[in-house]
Amino acid sequence: MKTTFSSKEAAEETGLSVHTLRYYEQEGLIDGIQRDSNGYRIYSASDIAWFQVITYFRKLGLSVQDIKLFNIPKNGQTSSATARREFMETYREKVVEQMKELQDSLDKIDYKIEFFRNMERSESAAKLKRD
């Protein structure tokens, strides 16, 4: 199993572009990237795993800023696991609220669909009476 990856290989492994890998590094989402004797980045298997976590969080809708907060324990007083659990609980509340808003929108759309179906039925009935 491969343990180190060039930028190109890391991009292939993660499905991210080389530019995105560097962006996440610049934003402080990942640190400690090693360099070879020519100054090229060398990513470890754990770096690849963390990029995959970042990708998963981005798909969930977390911003880069949110991921930074997840990655940094609070004030050094709370354990990393506790801080991360609390972060995820807070994020969960946001997602539940978004789901409620989406359900409200879906309910309104369903109402309008039914409204227009009834209108179509009325128009069809009126046309049958005329014919």
N, C-alpha and C. Protein backbone atom coordinates (compact mmCIF):
# COMPACT_ATOMS: atom_id res chain seq x y z
N MET A 1 0.85 -1.19 0.00
CA MET A 1 0.00 0.00 0.00
C MET A 1 0.89 1.25 0.00
N LYS A 2 0.54 2.18 -0.85
CA LYS A 2 1.33 3.40 -1.02
C LYS A 2 1.19 4.28 0.23
N THR A 3 2.29 4.87 0.67
CA THR A 3 2.25 5.71 1.88
C THR A 3 2.54 7.17 1.62
N THR A 4 3.13 7.48 0.46
CA THR A 4 3.37 8.89 0.11
C THR A 4 2.88 9.13 -1.31
N PHE A 5 2.46 10.38 -1.53
CA PHE A 5 1.83 10.74 -2.80
C PHE A 5 2.34 12.10 -3.25
N SER A 6 2.58 12.23 -4.55
CA SER A 6 2.89 13.54 -5.13
C SER A 6 1.59 14.34 -5.18
N SER A 7 1.68 15.61 -5.54
CA SER A 7 0.47 16.43 -5.66
C SER A 7 -0.50 15.82 -6.67
N LYS A 8 0.04 15.40 -7.81
CA LYS A 8 -0.81 14.80 -8.84
C LYS A 8 -1.47 13.52 -8.34
N GLU A 9 -0.71 12.68 -7.67
CA GLU A 9 -1.25 11.42 -7.14
C GLU A 9 -2.29 11.70 -6.06
N ALA A 10 -2.02 12.68 -5.21
CA ALA A 10 -2.97 13.04 -4.15
C ALA A 10 -4.27 13.54 -4.77
N ALA A 11 -4.16 14.33 -5.83
CA ALA A 11 -5.35 14.82 -6.53
C ALA A 11 -6.14 13.65 -7.10
N GLU A 12 -5.46 12.69 -7.69
CA GLU A 12 -6.14 11.52 -8.25
C GLU A 12 -6.80 10.69 -7.15
N GLU A 13 -6.12 10.52 -6.04
CA GLU A 13 -6.66 9.74 -4.92
C GLU A 13 -7.91 10.37 -4.30
N THR A 14 -7.90 11.69 -4.22
CA THR A 14 -8.98 12.40 -3.52
C THR A 14 -10.09 12.89 -4.44
N GLY A 15 -9.80 12.97 -5.73
CA GLY A 15 -10.78 13.54 -6.65
C GLY A 15 -10.79 15.06 -6.63
N LEU A 16 -9.82 15.64 -5.95
CA LEU A 16 -9.70 17.10 -5.88
C LEU A 16 -8.63 17.55 -6.87
N SER A 17 -8.68 18.79 -7.26
CA SER A 17 -7.63 19.32 -8.12
C SER A 17 -6.41 19.66 -7.26
N VAL A 18 -5.25 19.74 -7.92
CA VAL A 18 -4.03 20.14 -7.23
C VAL A 18 -4.23 21.53 -6.62
N HIS A 19 -4.91 22.40 -7.37
CA HIS A 19 -5.20 23.75 -6.87
C HIS A 19 -6.00 23.69 -5.57
N THR A 20 -7.01 22.81 -5.51
CA THR A 20 -7.84 22.69 -4.30
C THR A 20 -7.02 22.16 -3.13
N LEU A 21 -6.14 21.19 -3.39
CA LEU A 21 -5.27 20.68 -2.33
C LEU A 21 -4.45 21.82 -1.72
N ARG A 22 -3.88 22.63 -2.59
CA ARG A 22 -3.07 23.77 -2.12
C ARG A 22 -3.93 24.80 -1.40
N TYR A 23 -5.13 25.04 -1.93
CA TYR A 23 -6.05 25.99 -1.28
C TYR A 23 -6.37 25.54 0.15
N TYR A 24 -6.70 24.26 0.32
CA TYR A 24 -7.00 23.76 1.66
C TYR A 24 -5.79 23.90 2.58
N GLU A 25 -4.62 23.69 2.04
CA GLU A 25 -3.40 23.87 2.83
C GLU A 25 -3.23 25.34 3.21
N GLN A 26 -3.43 26.25 2.25
CA GLN A 26 -3.30 27.69 2.52
C GLN A 26 -4.31 28.16 3.55
N GLU A 27 -5.50 27.56 3.52
CA GLU A 27 -6.56 27.94 4.46
C GLU A 27 -6.35 27.34 5.85
N GLY A 28 -5.36 26.49 6.00
CA GLY A 28 -5.06 25.91 7.30
C GLY A 28 -5.89 24.69 7.64
N LEU A 29 -6.53 24.09 6.64
CA LEU A 29 -7.31 22.89 6.91
C LEU A 29 -6.42 21.66 7.06
N ILE A 30 -5.25 21.75 6.50
CA ILE A 30 -4.28 20.66 6.60
C ILE A 30 -2.91 21.29 6.74
N ASP A 31 -2.11 20.74 7.59
CA ASP A 31 -0.77 21.31 7.76
C ASP A 31 0.25 20.21 7.87
N GLY A 32 1.49 20.61 7.94
CA GLY A 32 2.57 19.64 8.07
C GLY A 32 2.85 18.86 6.80
N ILE A 33 2.50 19.43 5.65
CA ILE A 33 2.79 18.76 4.39
C ILE A 33 4.31 18.74 4.20
N GLN A 34 4.82 17.56 4.00
CA GLN A 34 6.26 17.41 3.80
C GLN A 34 6.65 17.81 2.38
N ARG A 35 7.92 18.07 2.20
CA ARG A 35 8.44 18.41 0.87
C ARG A 35 9.67 17.54 0.59
N ASP A 36 9.82 17.21 -0.69
CA ASP A 36 11.00 16.43 -1.07
C ASP A 36 12.20 17.36 -1.25
N SER A 37 13.32 16.81 -1.68
CA SER A 37 14.56 17.59 -1.80
C SER A 37 14.45 18.69 -2.85
N ASN A 38 13.49 18.55 -3.77
CA ASN A 38 13.27 19.58 -4.80
C ASN A 38 12.21 20.60 -4.38
N GLY A 39 11.65 20.43 -3.20
CA GLY A 39 10.65 21.36 -2.71
C GLY A 39 9.22 21.01 -3.10
N TYR A 40 9.03 19.86 -3.75
CA TYR A 40 7.69 19.43 -4.14
C TYR A 40 6.96 18.82 -2.94
N ARG A 41 5.67 19.06 -2.86
CA ARG A 41 4.87 18.52 -1.77
C ARG A 41 4.82 16.99 -1.83
N ILE A 42 4.86 16.39 -0.64
CA ILE A 42 4.69 14.95 -0.51
C ILE A 42 3.58 14.74 0.51
N TYR A 43 2.49 14.14 0.07
CA TYR A 43 1.35 13.90 0.93
C TYR A 43 1.41 12.50 1.51
N SER A 44 1.02 12.38 2.78
CA SER A 44 0.99 11.08 3.44
C SER A 44 -0.39 10.45 3.29
N ALA A 45 -0.48 9.19 3.65
CA ALA A 45 -1.78 8.51 3.61
C ALA A 45 -2.77 9.19 4.55
N SER A 46 -2.29 9.69 5.69
CA SER A 46 -3.20 10.39 6.61
C SER A 46 -3.65 11.73 6.02
N ASP A 47 -2.78 12.39 5.24
CA ASP A 47 -3.20 13.61 4.54
C ASP A 47 -4.33 13.29 3.57
N ILE A 48 -4.18 12.21 2.83
CA ILE A 48 -5.21 11.78 1.87
C ILE A 48 -6.51 11.53 2.61
N ALA A 49 -6.43 10.83 3.74
CA ALA A 49 -7.64 10.54 4.52
C ALA A 49 -8.30 11.84 4.99
N TRP A 50 -7.50 12.82 5.42
CA TRP A 50 -8.07 14.08 5.88
C TRP A 50 -8.70 14.85 4.72
N PHE A 51 -8.08 14.82 3.55
CA PHE A 51 -8.69 15.46 2.38
C PHE A 51 -10.05 14.81 2.07
N GLN A 52 -10.15 13.52 2.27
CA GLN A 52 -11.42 12.83 2.04
C GLN A 52 -12.46 13.25 3.07
N VAL A 53 -12.04 13.48 4.31
CA VAL A 53 -12.95 13.99 5.33
C VAL A 53 -13.42 15.40 4.95
N ILE A 54 -12.49 16.23 4.53
CA ILE A 54 -12.83 17.59 4.11
C ILE A 54 -13.84 17.55 2.97
N THR A 55 -13.60 16.68 2.00
CA THR A 55 -14.51 16.54 0.86
C THR A 55 -15.90 16.11 1.33
N TYR A 56 -15.95 15.18 2.26
CA TYR A 56 -17.23 14.73 2.83
C TYR A 56 -17.95 15.89 3.52
N PHE A 57 -17.22 16.65 4.32
CA PHE A 57 -17.82 17.80 5.01
C PHE A 57 -18.32 18.85 4.02
N ARG A 58 -17.56 19.08 2.95
CA ARG A 58 -17.99 20.05 1.94
C ARG A 58 -19.28 19.58 1.27
N LYS A 59 -19.39 18.26 1.01
CA LYS A 59 -20.62 17.72 0.43
C LYS A 59 -21.80 17.89 1.38
N LEU A 60 -21.52 17.87 2.68
CA LEU A 60 -22.57 18.10 3.68
C LEU A 60 -22.97 19.56 3.77
N GLY A 61 -22.17 20.42 3.14
CA GLY A 61 -22.50 21.84 3.15
C GLY A 61 -21.68 22.68 4.11
N LEU A 62 -20.70 22.08 4.76
CA LEU A 62 -19.86 22.86 5.66
C LEU A 62 -18.94 23.77 4.86
N SER A 63 -18.79 24.98 5.33
CA SER A 63 -17.87 25.92 4.69
C SER A 63 -16.45 25.61 5.15
N VAL A 64 -15.49 26.21 4.47
CA VAL A 64 -14.10 26.07 4.87
C VAL A 64 -13.94 26.58 6.31
N GLN A 65 -14.60 27.68 6.63
CA GLN A 65 -14.53 28.23 7.99
C GLN A 65 -15.08 27.25 9.01
N ASP A 66 -16.21 26.59 8.68
CA ASP A 66 -16.78 25.59 9.58
C ASP A 66 -15.80 24.45 9.82
N ILE A 67 -15.16 24.00 8.76
CA ILE A 67 -14.21 22.89 8.89
C ILE A 67 -13.02 23.31 9.74
N LYS A 68 -12.60 24.55 9.62
CA LYS A 68 -11.52 25.05 10.47
C LYS A 68 -11.92 24.95 11.94
N LEU A 69 -13.15 25.34 12.24
CA LEU A 69 -13.63 25.27 13.63
C LEU A 69 -13.68 23.82 14.12
N PHE A 70 -14.09 22.93 13.24
CA PHE A 70 -14.13 21.51 13.59
C PHE A 70 -12.74 20.99 13.90
N ASN A 71 -11.77 21.48 13.16
CA ASN A 71 -10.41 20.96 13.24
C ASN A 71 -9.62 21.50 14.43
N ILE A 72 -10.11 22.58 15.06
CA ILE A 72 -9.37 23.21 16.16
C ILE A 72 -10.14 23.03 17.47
N PRO A 73 -9.59 22.30 18.44
CA PRO A 73 -10.25 22.18 19.74
C PRO A 73 -10.41 23.54 20.40
N LYS A 74 -11.48 23.70 21.14
CA LYS A 74 -11.81 24.99 21.76
C LYS A 74 -10.95 25.28 22.98
N ASN A 75 -10.27 26.40 22.97
CA ASN A 75 -9.55 26.95 24.13
C ASN A 75 -8.58 25.98 24.80
N GLY A 76 -8.33 24.86 24.20
CA GLY A 76 -7.44 23.90 24.82
C GLY A 76 -8.01 23.28 26.09
N GLN A 77 -9.25 23.64 26.47
CA GLN A 77 -9.83 23.13 27.71
C GLN A 77 -10.73 21.92 27.49
N THR A 78 -11.21 21.77 26.28
CA THR A 78 -12.12 20.68 25.98
C THR A 78 -11.37 19.66 25.13
N SER A 79 -11.64 18.39 25.37
CA SER A 79 -10.97 17.38 24.57
C SER A 79 -11.37 17.54 23.11
N SER A 80 -10.50 17.10 22.25
CA SER A 80 -10.76 17.18 20.81
C SER A 80 -12.05 16.46 20.45
N ALA A 81 -12.26 15.28 21.02
CA ALA A 81 -13.47 14.52 20.72
C ALA A 81 -14.71 15.27 21.19
N THR A 82 -14.66 15.85 22.37
CA THR A 82 -15.80 16.59 22.91
C THR A 82 -16.10 17.82 22.06
N ALA A 83 -15.05 18.57 21.73
CA ALA A 83 -15.24 19.77 20.91
C ALA A 83 -15.81 19.42 19.55
N ARG A 84 -15.34 18.35 18.96
CA ARG A 84 -15.83 17.94 17.65
C ARG A 84 -17.26 17.43 17.72
N ARG A 85 -17.58 16.68 18.78
CA ARG A 85 -18.96 16.22 18.95
C ARG A 85 -19.89 17.41 19.11
N GLU A 86 -19.52 18.38 19.93
CA GLU A 86 -20.34 19.57 20.13
C GLU A 86 -20.52 20.34 18.82
N PHE A 87 -19.44 20.44 18.06
CA PHE A 87 -19.52 21.10 16.77
C PHE A 87 -20.53 20.39 15.87
N MET A 88 -20.43 19.06 15.80
CA MET A 88 -21.33 18.29 14.94
C MET A 88 -22.77 18.38 15.43
N GLU A 89 -22.99 18.45 16.73
CA GLU A 89 -24.36 18.62 17.24
C GLU A 89 -24.94 19.97 16.81
N THR A 90 -24.12 21.00 16.89
CA THR A 90 -24.57 22.32 16.44
C THR A 90 -24.86 22.31 14.95
N TYR A 91 -23.97 21.69 14.19
CA TYR A 91 -24.18 21.62 12.75
C TYR A 91 -25.44 20.81 12.43
N ARG A 92 -25.68 19.76 13.19
CA ARG A 92 -26.87 18.94 13.00
C ARG A 92 -28.13 19.78 13.15
N GLU A 93 -28.14 20.65 14.16
CA GLU A 93 -29.30 21.53 14.38
C GLU A 93 -29.54 22.41 13.15
N LYS A 94 -28.47 22.92 12.56
CA LYS A 94 -28.60 23.74 11.35
C LYS A 94 -29.20 22.93 10.21
N VAL A 95 -28.74 21.69 10.05
CA VAL A 95 -29.25 20.84 8.98
C VAL A 95 -30.72 20.51 9.20
N VAL A 96 -31.11 20.23 10.44
CA VAL A 96 -32.51 19.95 10.74
C VAL A 96 -33.37 21.16 10.39
N GLU A 97 -32.90 22.36 10.70
CA GLU A 97 -33.63 23.58 10.36
C GLU A 97 -33.75 23.74 8.84
N GLN A 98 -32.67 23.46 8.14
CA GLN A 98 -32.71 23.52 6.67
C GLN A 98 -33.71 22.51 6.12
N MET A 99 -33.75 21.33 6.72
CA MET A 99 -34.70 20.30 6.27
C MET A 99 -36.13 20.76 6.48
N LYS A 100 -36.39 21.43 7.60
CA LYS A 100 -37.73 21.95 7.85
C LYS A 100 -38.10 22.99 6.79
N GLU A 101 -37.15 23.86 6.48
CA GLU A 101 -37.40 24.88 5.46
C GLU A 101 -37.66 24.24 4.09
N LEU A 102 -36.88 23.22 3.77
CA LEU A 102 -37.09 22.51 2.51
C LEU A 102 -38.44 21.80 2.49
N GLN A 103 -38.82 21.21 3.63
CA GLN A 103 -40.12 20.53 3.70
C GLN A 103 -41.25 21.54 3.51
N ASP A 104 -41.12 22.72 4.11
CA ASP A 104 -42.12 23.78 3.91
C ASP A 104 -42.22 24.15 2.43
N SER A 105 -41.08 24.29 1.77
CA SER A 105 -41.08 24.61 0.34
C SER A 105 -41.73 23.49 -0.45
N LEU A 106 -41.41 22.25 -0.12
CA LEU A 106 -42.00 21.11 -0.82
C LEU A 106 -43.51 21.07 -0.61
N ASP A 107 -43.95 21.35 0.60
CA ASP A 107 -45.39 21.37 0.88
C ASP A 107 -46.09 22.44 0.03
N LYS A 108 -45.47 23.60 -0.10
CA LYS A 108 -46.05 24.67 -0.91
C LYS A 108 -46.09 24.27 -2.39
N ILE A 109 -45.05 23.63 -2.86
CA ILE A 109 -45.02 23.16 -4.24
C ILE A 109 -46.11 22.12 -4.47
N ASP A 110 -46.24 21.17 -3.55
CA ASP A 110 -47.28 20.14 -3.67
C ASP A 110 -48.67 20.78 -3.68
N TYR A 111 -48.87 21.80 -2.85
CA TYR A 111 -50.15 22.49 -2.82
C TYR A 111 -50.44 23.13 -4.18
N LYS A 112 -49.43 23.78 -4.76
CA LYS A 112 -49.62 24.44 -6.05
C LYS A 112 -49.90 23.40 -7.15
N ILE A 113 -49.20 22.28 -7.10
CA ILE A 113 -49.44 21.22 -8.08
C ILE A 113 -50.90 20.77 -8.00
N GLU A 114 -51.37 20.53 -6.80
CA GLU A 114 -52.76 20.10 -6.62
C GLU A 114 -53.73 21.20 -7.06
N PHE A 115 -53.40 22.44 -6.77
CA PHE A 115 -54.22 23.57 -7.19
C PHE A 115 -54.39 23.58 -8.71
N PHE A 116 -53.28 23.41 -9.42
CA PHE A 116 -53.34 23.42 -10.88
C PHE A 116 -54.02 22.16 -11.43
N ARG A 117 -53.87 21.03 -10.75
CA ARG A 117 -54.61 19.83 -11.18
C ARG A 117 -56.11 20.07 -11.07
N ASN A 118 -56.52 20.67 -9.97
CA ASN A 118 -57.96 20.97 -9.80
C ASN A 118 -58.43 21.97 -10.86
N MET A 119 -57.58 22.94 -11.17
CA MET A 119 -57.93 23.91 -12.20
C MET A 119 -58.10 23.20 -13.55
N GLU A 120 -57.19 22.26 -13.84
CA GLU A 120 -57.29 21.50 -15.09
C GLU A 120 -58.60 20.69 -15.14
N ARG A 121 -58.94 20.08 -14.01
CA ARG A 121 -60.19 19.30 -13.95
C ARG A 121 -61.40 20.21 -14.20
N SER A 122 -61.37 21.39 -13.59
CA SER A 122 -62.47 22.33 -13.78
C SER A 122 -62.57 22.76 -15.24
N GLU A 123 -61.42 23.03 -15.84
CA GLU A 123 -61.41 23.43 -17.25
C GLU A 123 -61.91 22.30 -18.14
N SER A 124 -61.51 21.08 -17.83
CA SER A 124 -61.97 19.92 -18.62
C SER A 124 -63.47 19.72 -18.46
N ALA A 125 -63.96 19.86 -17.22
CA ALA A 125 -65.39 19.70 -16.97
C ALA A 125 -66.18 20.77 -17.71
N ALA A 126 -65.70 22.00 -17.69
CA ALA A 126 -66.38 23.09 -18.37
C ALA A 126 -66.40 22.85 -19.88
N LYS A 127 -65.33 22.32 -20.41
CA LYS A 127 -65.25 22.05 -21.84
C LYS A 127 -66.24 20.94 -22.22
N LEU A 128 -66.35 19.91 -21.37
CA LEU A 128 -67.29 18.82 -21.65
C LEU A 128 -68.73 19.33 -21.66
N LYS A 129 -69.05 20.24 -20.77
CA LYS A 129 -70.42 20.80 -20.70
C LYS A 129 -70.72 21.59 -21.97
N ARG A 130 -69.73 22.30 -22.48
CA ARG A 130 -69.95 23.09 -23.70
C ARG A 130 -70.11 22.20 -24.92
N ASP A 131 -69.42 21.07 -24.94
CA ASP A 131 -69.45 20.21 -26.11
C ASP A 131 -70.67 19.35 -26.09
